Amino acid sequence: MFDSTRFLTIIVEGISFVAAFAALAAAVIMYQVTKKFGSGILASGFKSIAFGVLFLALGIIIDALNSSLQIQYNNIYSVAVLVIKGACFVIGTYIIVIGTKNTADRLENLTK
């Protein structure tokens, strides 16, 4: 018998892993940027943003594994996993936002 719920879970997990590996690839590419546009401001900005993308990818992977393993939400380990996943998302987003703002501020100062 075809279990549509399990099939949809597998599809969502597959999409999550593809998104996570795309984020990992983007982080590696951004970290390796060495062109010195704007006296190296873009290169340093990309490096800081890449760390944020890595945290987001880690959060996506933890979320997909959590769904895949169907961890029950009634024990201390599952709560710890949820806290770690949430922390990865918050830290990653914070790093990306601050890195982008600092890069934009530096580039704006160059044009004055």
PDB file of N, CA and C in Angstrom:
ATOM      1  N   MET A   1       0.838  -1.175   0.000  1.00  0.00           N
ATOM      2  CA  MET A   1       0.000   0.000   0.000  1.00  0.00           C
ATOM      3  C   MET A   1       0.887   1.244   0.000  1.00  0.00           C
ATOM      4  N   PHE A   2       0.501   2.250  -0.735  1.00  0.00           N
ATOM      5  CA  PHE A   2       1.263   3.488  -0.856  1.00  0.00           C
ATOM      6  C   PHE A   2       0.968   4.393   0.331  1.00  0.00           C
ATOM      7  N   ASP A   3       2.021   4.768   1.042  1.00  0.00           N
ATOM      8  CA  ASP A   3       1.883   5.651   2.197  1.00  0.00           C
ATOM      9  C   ASP A   3       2.246   7.068   1.764  1.00  0.00           C
ATOM     10  N   SER A   4       1.223   7.869   1.480  1.00  0.00           N
ATOM     11  CA  SER A   4       1.470   9.210   0.955  1.00  0.00           C
ATOM     12  C   SER A   4       2.121  10.122   1.995  1.00  0.00           C
ATOM     13  N   THR A   5       1.824   9.929   3.269  1.00  0.00           N
ATOM     14  CA  THR A   5       2.426  10.759   4.311  1.00  0.00           C
ATOM     15  C   THR A   5       3.928  10.534   4.374  1.00  0.00           C
ATOM     16  N   ARG A   6       4.332   9.285   4.348  1.00  0.00           N
ATOM     17  CA  ARG A   6       5.767   8.962   4.380  1.00  0.00           C
ATOM     18  C   ARG A   6       6.462   9.460   3.109  1.00  0.00           C
ATOM     19  N   PHE A   7       5.786   9.340   1.964  1.00  0.00           N
ATOM     20  CA  PHE A   7       6.345   9.805   0.707  1.00  0.00           C
ATOM     21  C   PHE A   7       6.582  11.316   0.743  1.00  0.00           C
ATOM     22  N   LEU A   8       5.598  12.063   1.243  1.00  0.00           N
ATOM     23  CA  LEU A   8       5.754  13.514   1.334  1.00  0.00           C
ATOM     24  C   LEU A   8       6.857  13.890   2.319  1.00  0.00           C
ATOM     25  N   THR A   9       6.992  13.128   3.397  1.00  0.00           N
ATOM     26  CA  THR A   9       8.070  13.373   4.354  1.00  0.00           C
ATOM     27  C   THR A   9       9.427  13.181   3.687  1.00  0.00           C
ATOM     28  N   ILE A  10       9.544  12.136   2.894  1.00  0.00           N
ATOM     29  CA  ILE A  10      10.802  11.872   2.184  1.00  0.00           C
ATOM     30  C   ILE A  10      11.101  12.990   1.187  1.00  0.00           C
ATOM     31  N   ILE A  11      10.090  13.466   0.480  1.00  0.00           N
ATOM     32  CA  ILE A  11      10.274  14.560  -0.484  1.00  0.00           C
ATOM     33  C   ILE A  11      10.755  15.822   0.233  1.00  0.00           C
ATOM     34  N   VAL A  12      10.113  16.159   1.355  1.00  0.00           N
ATOM     35  CA  VAL A  12      10.500  17.364   2.105  1.00  0.00           C
ATOM     36  C   VAL A  12      11.920  17.230   2.645  1.00  0.00           C
ATOM     37  N   GLU A  13      12.274  16.059   3.154  1.00  0.00           N
ATOM     38  CA  GLU A  13      13.630  15.846   3.668  1.00  0.00           C
ATOM     39  C   GLU A  13      14.650  15.938   2.542  1.00  0.00           C
ATOM     40  N   GLY A  14      14.327  15.384   1.387  1.00  0.00           N
ATOM     41  CA  GLY A  14      15.231  15.469   0.235  1.00  0.00           C
ATOM     42  C   GLY A  14      15.459  16.906  -0.185  1.00  0.00           C
ATOM     43  N   ILE A  15      14.396  17.680  -0.215  1.00  0.00           N
ATOM     44  CA  ILE A  15      14.518  19.097  -0.562  1.00  0.00           C
ATOM     45  C   ILE A  15      15.358  19.831   0.482  1.00  0.00           C
ATOM     46  N   SER A  16      15.184  19.481   1.749  1.00  0.00           N
ATOM     47  CA  SER A  16      15.977  20.107   2.809  1.00  0.00           C
ATOM     48  C   SER A  16      17.458  19.809   2.646  1.00  0.00           C
ATOM     49  N   PHE A  17      17.790  18.560   2.325  1.00  0.00           N
ATOM     50  CA  PHE A  17      19.196  18.215   2.140  1.00  0.00           C
ATOM     51  C   PHE A  17      19.786  18.903   0.906  1.00  0.00           C
ATOM     52  N   VAL A  18      19.013  19.021  -0.156  1.00  0.00           N
ATOM     53  CA  VAL A  18      19.492  19.734  -1.344  1.00  0.00           C
ATOM     54  C   VAL A  18      19.748  21.199  -0.991  1.00  0.00           C
ATOM     55  N   ALA A  19      18.828  21.814  -0.239  1.00  0.00           N
ATOM     56  CA  ALA A  19      19.014  23.207   0.170  1.00  0.00           C
ATOM     57  C   ALA A  19      20.241  23.357   1.064  1.00  0.00           C
ATOM     58  N   ALA A  20      20.442  22.393   1.959  1.00  0.00           N
ATOM     59  CA  ALA A  20      21.598  22.465   2.859  1.00  0.00           C
ATOM     60  C   ALA A  20      22.905  22.332   2.090  1.00  0.00           C
ATOM     61  N   PHE A  21      22.966  21.419   1.158  1.00  0.00           N
ATOM     62  CA  PHE A  21      24.200  21.259   0.402  1.00  0.00           C
ATOM     63  C   PHE A  21      24.427  22.424  -0.555  1.00  0.00           C
ATOM     64  N   ALA A  22      23.354  23.025  -1.068  1.00  0.00           N
ATOM     65  CA  ALA A  22      23.507  24.240  -1.878  1.00  0.00           C
ATOM     66  C   ALA A  22      24.054  25.378  -1.011  1.00  0.00           C
ATOM     67  N   ALA A  23      23.573  25.460   0.231  1.00  0.00           N
ATOM     68  CA  ALA A  23      24.083  26.490   1.149  1.00  0.00           C
ATOM     69  C   ALA A  23      25.548  26.239   1.471  1.00  0.00           C
ATOM     70  N   LEU A  24      25.919  24.990   1.658  1.00  0.00           N
ATOM     71  CA  LEU A  24      27.329  24.669   1.909  1.00  0.00           C
ATOM     72  C   LEU A  24      28.196  25.059   0.720  1.00  0.00           C
ATOM     73  N   ALA A  25      27.721  24.754  -0.481  1.00  0.00           N
ATOM     74  CA  ALA A  25      28.481  25.117  -1.677  1.00  0.00           C
ATOM     75  C   ALA A  25      28.597  26.633  -1.799  1.00  0.00           C
ATOM     76  N   ALA A  26      27.509  27.347  -1.517  1.00  0.00           N
ATOM     77  CA  ALA A  26      27.551  28.812  -1.578  1.00  0.00           C
ATOM     78  C   ALA A  26      28.528  29.374  -0.551  1.00  0.00           C
ATOM     79  N   ALA A  27      28.535  28.795   0.639  1.00  0.00           N
ATOM     80  CA  ALA A  27      29.447  29.271   1.680  1.00  0.00           C
ATOM     81  C   ALA A  27      30.898  29.060   1.274  1.00  0.00           C
ATOM     82  N   VAL A  28      31.198  27.922   0.692  1.00  0.00           N
ATOM     83  CA  VAL A  28      32.571  27.643   0.254  1.00  0.00           C
ATOM     84  C   VAL A  28      32.983  28.614  -0.847  1.00  0.00           C
ATOM     85  N   ILE A  29      32.091  28.841  -1.802  1.00  0.00           N
ATOM     86  CA  ILE A  29      32.398  29.755  -2.906  1.00  0.00           C
ATOM     87  C   ILE A  29      32.580  31.180  -2.372  1.00  0.00           C
ATOM     88  N   MET A  30      31.698  31.607  -1.475  1.00  0.00           N
ATOM     89  CA  MET A  30      31.803  32.956  -0.925  1.00  0.00           C
ATOM     90  C   MET A  30      33.081  33.114  -0.105  1.00  0.00           C
ATOM     91  N   TYR A  31      33.447  32.082   0.632  1.00  0.00           N
ATOM     92  CA  TYR A  31      34.640  32.171   1.467  1.00  0.00           C
ATOM     93  C   TYR A  31      35.908  32.261   0.618  1.00  0.00           C
ATOM     94  N   GLN A  32      35.884  31.679  -0.581  1.00  0.00           N
ATOM     95  CA  GLN A  32      37.072  31.653  -1.427  1.00  0.00           C
ATOM     96  C   GLN A  32      37.217  32.895  -2.296  1.00  0.00           C
ATOM     97  N   VAL A  33      36.292  33.833  -2.201  1.00  0.00           N
ATOM     98  CA  VAL A  33      36.383  35.063  -2.991  1.00  0.00           C
ATOM     99  C   VAL A  33      37.613  35.839  -2.524  1.00  0.00           C
ATOM    100  N   THR A  34      38.491  36.104  -3.465  1.00  0.00           N
ATOM    101  CA  THR A  34      39.719  36.829  -3.118  1.00  0.00           C
ATOM    102  C   THR A  34      39.901  38.093  -3.946  1.00  0.00           C
ATOM    103  N   LYS A  35      38.966  38.386  -4.827  1.00  0.00           N
ATOM    104  CA  LYS A  35      39.085  39.605  -5.629  1.00  0.00           C
ATOM    105  C   LYS A  35      39.028  40.802  -4.708  1.00  0.00           C
ATOM    106  N   LYS A  36      39.833  41.768  -4.973  1.00  0.00           N
ATOM    107  CA  LYS A  36      39.980  42.913  -4.081  1.00  0.00           C
ATOM    108  C   LYS A  36      39.196  44.126  -4.585  1.00  0.00           C
ATOM    109  N   PHE A  37      37.907  43.937  -4.849  1.00  0.00           N
ATOM    110  CA  PHE A  37      37.076  45.077  -5.214  1.00  0.00           C
ATOM    111  C   PHE A  37      36.879  45.937  -3.981  1.00  0.00           C
ATOM    112  N   GLY A  38      36.981  47.224  -4.138  1.00  0.00           N
ATOM    113  CA  GLY A  38      36.752  48.130  -3.019  1.00  0.00           C
ATOM    114  C   GLY A  38      37.728  47.904  -1.892  1.00  0.00           C
ATOM    115  N   SER A  39      38.981  47.772  -2.214  1.00  0.00           N
ATOM    116  CA  SER A  39      40.073  47.555  -1.260  1.00  0.00           C
ATOM    117  C   SER A  39      39.841  46.337  -0.362  1.00  0.00           C
ATOM    118  N   GLY A  40      39.258  45.297  -0.923  1.00  0.00           N
ATOM    119  CA  GLY A  40      39.088  44.048  -0.182  1.00  0.00           C
ATOM    120  C   GLY A  40      37.850  43.990   0.684  1.00  0.00           C
ATOM    121  N   ILE A  41      37.004  44.998   0.596  1.00  0.00           N
ATOM    122  CA  ILE A  41      35.810  45.044   1.444  1.00  0.00           C
ATOM    123  C   ILE A  41      34.840  43.927   1.079  1.00  0.00           C
ATOM    124  N   LEU A  42      34.631  43.708  -0.220  1.00  0.00           N
ATOM    125  CA  LEU A  42      33.705  42.645  -0.623  1.00  0.00           C
ATOM    126  C   LEU A  42      34.224  41.275  -0.227  1.00  0.00           C
ATOM    127  N   ALA A  43      35.517  41.052  -0.370  1.00  0.00           N
ATOM    128  CA  ALA A  43      36.085  39.748  -0.015  1.00  0.00           C
ATOM    129  C   ALA A  43      35.915  39.470   1.472  1.00  0.00           C
ATOM    130  N   SER A  44      36.196  40.462   2.302  1.00  0.00           N
ATOM    131  CA  SER A  44      36.045  40.252   3.743  1.00  0.00           C
ATOM    132  C   SER A  44      34.575  40.125   4.117  1.00  0.00           C
ATOM    133  N   GLY A  45      33.702  40.862   3.441  1.00  0.00           N
ATOM    134  CA  GLY A  45      32.265  40.748   3.693  1.00  0.00           C
ATOM    135  C   GLY A  45      31.732  39.381   3.323  1.00  0.00           C
ATOM    136  N   PHE A  46      32.176  38.861   2.176  1.00  0.00           N
ATOM    137  CA  PHE A  46      31.749  37.530   1.756  1.00  0.00           C
ATOM    138  C   PHE A  46      32.223  36.468   2.740  1.00  0.00           C
ATOM    139  N   LYS A  47      33.404  36.626   3.278  1.00  0.00           N
ATOM    140  CA  LYS A  47      33.925  35.638   4.228  1.00  0.00           C
ATOM    141  C   LYS A  47      33.084  35.611   5.501  1.00  0.00           C
ATOM    142  N   SER A  48      32.700  36.774   5.993  1.00  0.00           N
ATOM    143  CA  SER A  48      31.878  36.787   7.206  1.00  0.00           C
ATOM    144  C   SER A  48      30.480  36.256   6.928  1.00  0.00           C
ATOM    145  N   ILE A  49      29.916  36.606   5.789  1.00  0.00           N
ATOM    146  CA  ILE A  49      28.583  36.116   5.432  1.00  0.00           C
ATOM    147  C   ILE A  49      28.608  34.604   5.226  1.00  0.00           C
ATOM    148  N   ALA A  50      29.712  34.085   4.709  1.00  0.00           N
ATOM    149  CA  ALA A  50      29.829  32.635   4.491  1.00  0.00           C
ATOM    150  C   ALA A  50      29.691  31.863   5.796  1.00  0.00           C
ATOM    151  N   PHE A  51      30.211  32.401   6.888  1.00  0.00           N
ATOM    152  CA  PHE A  51      30.052  31.728   8.182  1.00  0.00           C
ATOM    153  C   PHE A  51      28.579  31.673   8.585  1.00  0.00           C
ATOM    154  N   GLY A  52      27.840  32.722   8.312  1.00  0.00           N
ATOM    155  CA  GLY A  52      26.408  32.723   8.606  1.00  0.00           C
ATOM    156  C   GLY A  52      25.663  31.692   7.779  1.00  0.00           C
ATOM    157  N   VAL A  53      26.036  31.568   6.517  1.00  0.00           N
ATOM    158  CA  VAL A  53      25.406  30.581   5.644  1.00  0.00           C
ATOM    159  C   VAL A  53      25.706  29.166   6.138  1.00  0.00           C
ATOM    160  N   LEU A  54      26.910  28.944   6.656  1.00  0.00           N
ATOM    161  CA  LEU A  54      27.241  27.630   7.206  1.00  0.00           C
ATOM    162  C   LEU A  54      26.353  27.291   8.404  1.00  0.00           C
ATOM    163  N   PHE A  55      26.088  28.252   9.257  1.00  0.00           N
ATOM    164  CA  PHE A  55      25.195  28.007  10.391  1.00  0.00           C
ATOM    165  C   PHE A  55      23.783  27.681   9.917  1.00  0.00           C
ATOM    166  N   LEU A  56      23.307  28.392   8.899  1.00  0.00           N
ATOM    167  CA  LEU A  56      21.986  28.093   8.357  1.00  0.00           C
ATOM    168  C   LEU A  56      21.936  26.690   7.768  1.00  0.00           C
ATOM    169  N   ALA A  57      22.981  26.304   7.059  1.00  0.00           N
ATOM    170  CA  ALA A  57      23.030  24.960   6.483  1.00  0.00           C
ATOM    171  C   ALA A  57      23.015  23.906   7.585  1.00  0.00           C
ATOM    172  N   LEU A  58      23.746  24.149   8.642  1.00  0.00           N
ATOM    173  CA  LEU A  58      23.756  23.210   9.769  1.00  0.00           C
ATOM    174  C   LEU A  58      22.365  23.093  10.384  1.00  0.00           C
ATOM    175  N   GLY A  59      21.667  24.196  10.524  1.00  0.00           N
ATOM    176  CA  GLY A  59      20.304  24.172  11.057  1.00  0.00           C
ATOM    177  C   GLY A  59      19.361  23.396  10.162  1.00  0.00           C
ATOM    178  N   ILE A  60      19.506  23.546   8.840  1.00  0.00           N
ATOM    179  CA  ILE A  60      18.670  22.813   7.891  1.00  0.00           C
ATOM    180  C   ILE A  60      18.952  21.316   7.992  1.00  0.00           C
ATOM    181  N   ILE A  61      20.223  20.948   8.089  1.00  0.00           N
ATOM    182  CA  ILE A  61      20.586  19.533   8.201  1.00  0.00           C
ATOM    183  C   ILE A  61      20.037  18.937   9.495  1.00  0.00           C
ATOM    184  N   ILE A  62      20.159  19.661  10.600  1.00  0.00           N
ATOM    185  CA  ILE A  62      19.623  19.169  11.872  1.00  0.00           C
ATOM    186  C   ILE A  62      18.111  18.996  11.775  1.00  0.00           C
ATOM    187  N   ASP A  63      17.436  19.942  11.134  1.00  0.00           N
ATOM    188  CA  ASP A  63      15.985  19.855  10.975  1.00  0.00           C
ATOM    189  C   ASP A  63      15.594  18.648  10.129  1.00  0.00           C
ATOM    190  N   ALA A  64      16.313  18.424   9.040  1.00  0.00           N
ATOM    191  CA  ALA A  64      16.001  17.287   8.178  1.00  0.00           C
ATOM    192  C   ALA A  64      16.273  15.958   8.887  1.00  0.00           C
ATOM    193  N   LEU A  65      17.364  15.886   9.624  1.00  0.00           N
ATOM    194  CA  LEU A  65      17.650  14.662  10.374  1.00  0.00           C
ATOM    195  C   LEU A  65      16.615  14.432  11.463  1.00  0.00           C
ATOM    196  N   ASN A  66      16.188  15.500  12.085  1.00  0.00           N
ATOM    197  CA  ASN A  66      15.163  15.398  13.123  1.00  0.00           C
ATOM    198  C   ASN A  66      13.873  14.824  12.536  1.00  0.00           C
ATOM    199  N   SER A  67      13.481  15.309  11.346  1.00  0.00           N
ATOM    200  CA  SER A  67      12.286  14.784  10.689  1.00  0.00           C
ATOM    201  C   SER A  67      12.497  13.350  10.222  1.00  0.00           C
ATOM    202  N   SER A  68      13.672  13.082   9.708  1.00  0.00           N
ATOM    203  CA  SER A  68      13.965  11.752   9.181  1.00  0.00           C
ATOM    204  C   SER A  68      13.954  10.698  10.275  1.00  0.00           C
ATOM    205  N   LEU A  69      14.539  11.015  11.404  1.00  0.00           N
ATOM    206  CA  LEU A  69      14.606  10.052  12.510  1.00  0.00           C
ATOM    207  C   LEU A  69      13.318  10.026  13.322  1.00  0.00           C
ATOM    208  N   GLN A  70      12.426  10.953  13.030  1.00  0.00           N
ATOM    209  CA  GLN A  70      11.146  11.071  13.726  1.00  0.00           C
ATOM    210  C   GLN A  70      11.328  11.048  15.241  1.00  0.00           C
ATOM    211  N   ILE A  71      12.186  11.952  15.680  1.00  0.00           N
ATOM    212  CA  ILE A  71      12.466  12.061  17.115  1.00  0.00           C
ATOM    213  C   ILE A  71      11.219  12.571  17.828  1.00  0.00           C
ATOM    214  N   GLN A  72      10.861  11.902  18.881  1.00  0.00           N
ATOM    215  CA  GLN A  72       9.703  12.320  19.682  1.00  0.00           C
ATOM    216  C   GLN A  72      10.051  13.581  20.461  1.00  0.00           C
ATOM    217  N   TYR A  73       9.067  14.421  20.667  1.00  0.00           N
ATOM    218  CA  TYR A  73       9.303  15.701  21.317  1.00  0.00           C
ATOM    219  C   TYR A  73       9.013  15.672  22.819  1.00  0.00           C
ATOM    220  N   ASN A  74       9.133  14.522  23.434  1.00  0.00           N
ATOM    221  CA  ASN A  74       8.801  14.445  24.853  1.00  0.00           C
ATOM    222  C   ASN A  74       9.995  14.074  25.731  1.00  0.00           C
ATOM    223  N   ASN A  75      11.201  14.119  25.184  1.00  0.00           N
ATOM    224  CA  ASN A  75      12.362  13.851  26.031  1.00  0.00           C
ATOM    225  C   ASN A  75      13.361  15.013  25.942  1.00  0.00           C
ATOM    226  N   ILE A  76      14.313  14.996  26.833  1.00  0.00           N
ATOM    227  CA  ILE A  76      15.271  16.109  26.948  1.00  0.00           C
ATOM    228  C   ILE A  76      16.185  16.210  25.728  1.00  0.00           C
ATOM    229  N   TYR A  77      16.480  15.087  25.076  1.00  0.00           N
ATOM    230  CA  TYR A  77      17.372  15.121  23.913  1.00  0.00           C
ATOM    231  C   TYR A  77      16.722  15.821  22.729  1.00  0.00           C
ATOM    232  N   SER A  78      15.443  15.578  22.529  1.00  0.00           N
ATOM    233  CA  SER A  78      14.769  16.241  21.409  1.00  0.00           C
ATOM    234  C   SER A  78      14.655  17.748  21.658  1.00  0.00           C
ATOM    235  N   VAL A  79      14.466  18.138  22.902  1.00  0.00           N
ATOM    236  CA  VAL A  79      14.426  19.567  23.219  1.00  0.00           C
ATOM    237  C   VAL A  79      15.799  20.194  22.967  1.00  0.00           C
ATOM    238  N   ALA A  80      16.853  19.477  23.331  1.00  0.00           N
ATOM    239  CA  ALA A  80      18.211  19.976  23.078  1.00  0.00           C
ATOM    240  C   ALA A  80      18.461  20.132  21.584  1.00  0.00           C
ATOM    241  N   VAL A  81      17.989  19.165  20.790  1.00  0.00           N
ATOM    242  CA  VAL A  81      18.160  19.251  19.333  1.00  0.00           C
ATOM    243  C   VAL A  81      17.420  20.468  18.789  1.00  0.00           C
ATOM    244  N   LEU A  82      16.206  20.712  19.281  1.00  0.00           N
ATOM    245  CA  LEU A  82      15.442  21.875  18.825  1.00  0.00           C
ATOM    246  C   LEU A  82      16.120  23.184  19.215  1.00  0.00           C
ATOM    247  N   VAL A  83      16.696  23.239  20.398  1.00  0.00           N
ATOM    248  CA  VAL A  83      17.400  24.446  20.835  1.00  0.00           C
ATOM    249  C   VAL A  83      18.640  24.676  19.984  1.00  0.00           C
ATOM    250  N   ILE A  84      19.373  23.606  19.690  1.00  0.00           N
ATOM    251  CA  ILE A  84      20.569  23.731  18.850  1.00  0.00           C
ATOM    252  C   ILE A  84      20.185  24.188  17.448  1.00  0.00           C
ATOM    253  N   LYS A  85      19.124  23.590  16.889  1.00  0.00           N
ATOM    254  CA  LYS A  85      18.666  23.992  15.555  1.00  0.00           C
ATOM    255  C   LYS A  85      18.264  25.461  15.545  1.00  0.00           C
ATOM    256  N   GLY A  86      17.491  25.882  16.532  1.00  0.00           N
ATOM    257  CA  GLY A  86      17.081  27.278  16.613  1.00  0.00           C
ATOM    258  C   GLY A  86      18.264  28.213  16.772  1.00  0.00           C
ATOM    259  N   ALA A  87      19.233  27.799  17.590  1.00  0.00           N
ATOM    260  CA  ALA A  87      20.434  28.618  17.770  1.00  0.00           C
ATOM    261  C   ALA A  87      21.213  28.751  16.470  1.00  0.00           C
ATOM    262  N   CYS A  88      21.299  27.677  15.712  1.00  0.00           N
ATOM    263  CA  CYS A  88      21.994  27.735  14.410  1.00  0.00           C
ATOM    264  C   CYS A  88      21.312  28.731  13.480  1.00  0.00           C
ATOM    265  N   PHE A  89      19.970  28.701  13.439  1.00  0.00           N
ATOM    266  CA  PHE A  89      19.243  29.639  12.586  1.00  0.00           C
ATOM    267  C   PHE A  89      19.423  31.080  13.045  1.00  0.00           C
ATOM    268  N   VAL A  90      19.337  31.314  14.336  1.00  0.00           N
ATOM    269  CA  VAL A  90      19.462  32.683  14.853  1.00  0.00           C
ATOM    270  C   VAL A  90      20.879  33.209  14.653  1.00  0.00           C
ATOM    271  N   ILE A  91      21.882  32.408  14.994  1.00  0.00           N
ATOM    272  CA  ILE A  91      23.278  32.838  14.846  1.00  0.00           C
ATOM    273  C   ILE A  91      23.618  33.078  13.380  1.00  0.00           C
ATOM    274  N   GLY A  92      23.188  32.159  12.518  1.00  0.00           N
ATOM    275  CA  GLY A  92      23.459  32.310  11.090  1.00  0.00           C
ATOM    276  C   GLY A  92      22.833  33.557  10.514  1.00  0.00           C
ATOM    277  N   THR A  93      21.579  33.799  10.871  1.00  0.00           N
ATOM    278  CA  THR A  93      20.900  34.991  10.380  1.00  0.00           C
ATOM    279  C   THR A  93      21.558  36.259  10.911  1.00  0.00           C
ATOM    280  N   TYR A  94      21.927  36.244  12.175  1.00  0.00           N
ATOM    281  CA  TYR A  94      22.593  37.404  12.773  1.00  0.00           C
ATOM    282  C   TYR A  94      23.911  37.708  12.063  1.00  0.00           C
ATOM    283  N   ILE A  95      24.706  36.677  11.817  1.00  0.00           N
ATOM    284  CA  ILE A  95      25.997  36.875  11.149  1.00  0.00           C
ATOM    285  C   ILE A  95      25.798  37.429   9.742  1.00  0.00           C
ATOM    286  N   ILE A  96      24.811  36.910   9.032  1.00  0.00           N
ATOM    287  CA  ILE A  96      24.554  37.379   7.670  1.00  0.00           C
ATOM    288  C   ILE A  96      24.114  38.840   7.678  1.00  0.00           C
ATOM    289  N   VAL A  97      23.193  39.182   8.563  1.00  0.00           N
ATOM    290  CA  VAL A  97      22.687  40.556   8.609  1.00  0.00           C
ATOM    291  C   VAL A  97      23.793  41.532   9.004  1.00  0.00           C
ATOM    292  N   ILE A  98      24.540  41.218  10.049  1.00  0.00           N
ATOM    293  CA  ILE A  98      25.610  42.111  10.500  1.00  0.00           C
ATOM    294  C   ILE A  98      26.725  42.191   9.454  1.00  0.00           C
ATOM    295  N   GLY A  99      27.085  41.059   8.852  1.00  0.00           N
ATOM    296  CA  GLY A  99      28.118  41.076   7.816  1.00  0.00           C
ATOM    297  C   GLY A  99      27.709  41.889   6.612  1.00  0.00           C
ATOM    298  N   THR A 100      26.443  41.783   6.219  1.00  0.00           N
ATOM    299  CA  THR A 100      25.948  42.555   5.082  1.00  0.00           C
ATOM    300  C   THR A 100      25.914  44.038   5.413  1.00  0.00           C
ATOM    301  N   LYS A 101      25.454  44.379   6.617  1.00  0.00           N
ATOM    302  CA  LYS A 101      25.393  45.790   7.013  1.00  0.00           C
ATOM    303  C   LYS A 101      26.794  46.398   7.079  1.00  0.00           C
ATOM    304  N   ASN A 102      27.730  45.684   7.671  1.00  0.00           N
ATOM    305  CA  ASN A 102      29.099  46.205   7.764  1.00  0.00           C
ATOM    306  C   ASN A 102      29.711  46.391   6.383  1.00  0.00           C
ATOM    307  N   THR A 103      29.474  45.439   5.488  1.00  0.00           N
ATOM    308  CA  THR A 103      30.007  45.556   4.122  1.00  0.00           C
ATOM    309  C   THR A 103      29.383  46.746   3.409  1.00  0.00           C
ATOM    310  N   ALA A 104      28.070  46.902   3.535  1.00  0.00           N
ATOM    311  CA  ALA A 104      27.401  48.034   2.891  1.00  0.00           C
ATOM    312  C   ALA A 104      27.880  49.357   3.464  1.00  0.00           C
ATOM    313  N   ASP A 105      28.070  49.421   4.773  1.00  0.00           N
ATOM    314  CA  ASP A 105      28.570  50.663   5.396  1.00  0.00           C
ATOM    315  C   ASP A 105      29.961  50.998   4.903  1.00  0.00           C
ATOM    316  N   ARG A 106      30.820  49.998   4.808  1.00  0.00           N
ATOM    317  CA  ARG A 106      32.183  50.246   4.337  1.00  0.00           C
ATOM    318  C   ARG A 106      32.191  50.716   2.879  1.00  0.00           C
ATOM    319  N   LEU A 107      31.364  50.075   2.068  1.00  0.00           N
ATOM    320  CA  LEU A 107      31.297  50.491   0.648  1.00  0.00           C
ATOM    321  C   LEU A 107      30.725  51.900   0.530  1.00  0.00           C
ATOM    322  N   GLU A 108      29.761  52.225   1.364  1.00  0.00           N
ATOM    323  CA  GLU A 108      29.195  53.576   1.338  1.00  0.00           C
ATOM    324  C   GLU A 108      30.228  54.613   1.744  1.00  0.00           C
ATOM    325  N   ASN A 109      31.059  54.284   2.712  1.00  0.00           N
ATOM    326  CA  ASN A 109      32.104  55.209   3.125  1.00  0.00           C
ATOM    327  C   ASN A 109      33.143  55.442   2.031  1.00  0.00           C
ATOM    328  N   LEU A 110      33.357  54.439   1.186  1.00  0.00           N
ATOM    329  CA  LEU A 110      34.293  54.616   0.077  1.00  0.00           C
ATOM    330  C   LEU A 110      33.769  55.599  -0.963  1.00  0.00           C
ATOM    331  N   THR A 111      32.459  55.682  -1.103  1.00  0.00           N
ATOM    332  CA  THR A 111      31.885  56.549  -2.146  1.00  0.00           C
ATOM    333  C   THR A 111      31.720  57.983  -1.686  1.00  0.00           C
ATOM    334  N   LYS A 112      31.967  58.260  -0.416  1.00  0.00           N
ATOM    335  CA  LYS A 112      31.809  59.645   0.082  1.00  0.00           C
ATOM    336  C   LYS A 112      33.000  60.476  -0.271  1.00  0.00           C
TER     337      LYS A 112
END
